[in-house]
Amino acid sequence: MNAYTGDTDVAAYCAFCRKRLPTLNGELQPWRAPNGQFFCNEFCADDSEEVRFRRDGRADHKAHERDFFF
């Protein structure tokens, strides 16, 4: 995933550790998680997912466990 940073002073930061995202030749080189968040590397992405899992419990509820009926 490449994103052009342009000439702005706006910095992009890792969603987990808050370090600046890595750049190469003026282009962002972040690790992008399936949920759309950007991380400085795959370890921060994995740690963030682990924290969310521990905080929220299971990753997702199954269809038969939801609070609505068809």
C-alpha atoms as a PDB file:
ATOM      1  CA  MET A   1       0.000   0.000   0.000  1.00  0.00           C
ATOM      2  CA  ASN A   2       1.582   3.230  -1.095  1.00  0.00           C
ATOM      3  CA  ALA A   3       0.188   6.648  -0.372  1.00  0.00           C
ATOM      4  CA  TYR A   4       1.705   9.931  -1.512  1.00  0.00           C
ATOM      5  CA  THR A   5       2.433  12.241   1.421  1.00  0.00           C
ATOM      6  CA  GLY A   6       2.989  15.345  -0.685  1.00  0.00           C
ATOM      7  CA  ASP A   7       4.829  18.327   0.736  1.00  0.00           C
ATOM      8  CA  THR A   8       2.641  18.834   3.780  1.00  0.00           C
ATOM      9  CA  ASP A   9       3.812  18.735   7.359  1.00  0.00           C
ATOM     10  CA  VAL A  10       0.907  16.508   8.253  1.00  0.00           C
ATOM     11  CA  ALA A  11       2.396  13.317   9.618  1.00  0.00           C
ATOM     12  CA  ALA A  12       0.740   9.932   9.611  1.00  0.00           C
ATOM     13  CA  TYR A  13       1.180   7.848  12.732  1.00  0.00           C
ATOM     14  CA  CYS A  14       0.860   4.180  13.646  1.00  0.00           C
ATOM     15  CA  ALA A  15      -2.558   3.372  15.122  1.00  0.00           C
ATOM     16  CA  PHE A  16      -0.924   1.296  17.883  1.00  0.00           C
ATOM     17  CA  CYS A  17       2.425   2.778  18.951  1.00  0.00           C
ATOM     18  CA  ARG A  18       1.920   6.323  17.532  1.00  0.00           C
ATOM     19  CA  LYS A  19       5.301   6.338  15.781  1.00  0.00           C
ATOM     20  CA  ARG A  20       5.492   7.984  12.369  1.00  0.00           C
ATOM     21  CA  LEU A  21       4.642   5.669   9.534  1.00  0.00           C
ATOM     22  CA  PRO A  22       7.643   4.657   7.426  1.00  0.00           C
ATOM     23  CA  THR A  23       8.244   6.525   4.191  1.00  0.00           C
ATOM     24  CA  LEU A  24      10.385   5.740   1.191  1.00  0.00           C
ATOM     25  CA  ASN A  25      11.076   8.409  -1.442  1.00  0.00           C
ATOM     26  CA  GLY A  26       8.203  10.518  -0.110  1.00  0.00           C
ATOM     27  CA  GLU A  27       5.655   7.697  -0.181  1.00  0.00           C
ATOM     28  CA  LEU A  28       4.106   6.113   2.881  1.00  0.00           C
ATOM     29  CA  GLN A  29       4.981   2.455   3.316  1.00  0.00           C
ATOM     30  CA  PRO A  30       2.599   1.439   6.125  1.00  0.00           C
ATOM     31  CA  TRP A  31       1.220  -1.933   7.082  1.00  0.00           C
ATOM     32  CA  ARG A  32      -2.540  -1.818   6.470  1.00  0.00           C
ATOM     33  CA  ALA A  33      -4.849  -3.962   8.585  1.00  0.00           C
ATOM     34  CA  PRO A  34      -8.058  -5.458   7.164  1.00  0.00           C
ATOM     35  CA  ASN A  35     -10.081  -2.911   9.157  1.00  0.00           C
ATOM     36  CA  GLY A  36      -8.363  -0.041   7.331  1.00  0.00           C
ATOM     37  CA  GLN A  37      -6.045   1.168  10.093  1.00  0.00           C
ATOM     38  CA  PHE A  38      -2.400   1.860   9.278  1.00  0.00           C
ATOM     39  CA  PHE A  39       0.520   0.555  11.344  1.00  0.00           C
ATOM     40  CA  CYS A  40       4.282   1.012  11.188  1.00  0.00           C
ATOM     41  CA  ASN A  41       4.804  -2.762  10.883  1.00  0.00           C
ATOM     42  CA  GLU A  42       3.020  -6.102  11.114  1.00  0.00           C
ATOM     43  CA  PHE A  43       3.913  -6.491  14.793  1.00  0.00           C
ATOM     44  CA  CYS A  44       1.990  -3.366  15.800  1.00  0.00           C
ATOM     45  CA  ALA A  45      -0.960  -4.535  13.694  1.00  0.00           C
ATOM     46  CA  ASP A  46      -0.910  -7.918  15.423  1.00  0.00           C
ATOM     47  CA  ASP A  47      -0.563  -6.376  18.895  1.00  0.00           C
ATOM     48  CA  SER A  48      -3.462  -4.040  18.210  1.00  0.00           C
ATOM     49  CA  GLU A  49      -5.650  -6.968  17.163  1.00  0.00           C
ATOM     50  CA  GLU A  50      -4.642  -8.875  20.306  1.00  0.00           C
ATOM     51  CA  VAL A  51      -5.589  -5.928  22.539  1.00  0.00           C
ATOM     52  CA  ARG A  52      -8.954  -5.590  20.799  1.00  0.00           C
ATOM     53  CA  PHE A  53      -9.606  -9.317  21.146  1.00  0.00           C
ATOM     54  CA  ARG A  54      -8.748  -9.319  24.870  1.00  0.00           C
ATOM     55  CA  ARG A  55     -10.869  -6.225  25.466  1.00  0.00           C
ATOM     56  CA  ASP A  56     -13.914  -7.248  23.438  1.00  0.00           C
ATOM     57  CA  GLY A  57     -13.803 -11.017  23.842  1.00  0.00           C
ATOM     58  CA  ARG A  58     -14.535 -12.959  20.695  1.00  0.00           C
ATOM     59  CA  ALA A  59     -13.745 -11.453  17.344  1.00  0.00           C
ATOM     60  CA  ASP A  60     -17.325 -11.601  16.055  1.00  0.00           C
ATOM     61  CA  HIS A  61     -20.652 -13.108  17.010  1.00  0.00           C
ATOM     62  CA  LYS A  62     -22.130 -15.840  14.893  1.00  0.00           C
ATOM     63  CA  ALA A  63     -25.388 -15.192  13.082  1.00  0.00           C
ATOM     64  CA  HIS A  64     -27.415 -17.400  15.435  1.00  0.00           C
ATOM     65  CA  GLU A  65     -26.089 -15.515  18.500  1.00  0.00           C
ATOM     66  CA  ARG A  66     -27.202 -12.063  17.361  1.00  0.00           C
ATOM     67  CA  ASP A  67     -30.063 -10.165  19.023  1.00  0.00           C
ATOM     68  CA  PHE A  68     -32.388 -10.086  16.034  1.00  0.00           C
ATOM     69  CA  PHE A  69     -34.565 -12.647  14.369  1.00  0.00           C
ATOM     70  CA  PHE A  70     -35.641 -13.013  10.756  1.00  0.00           C
END
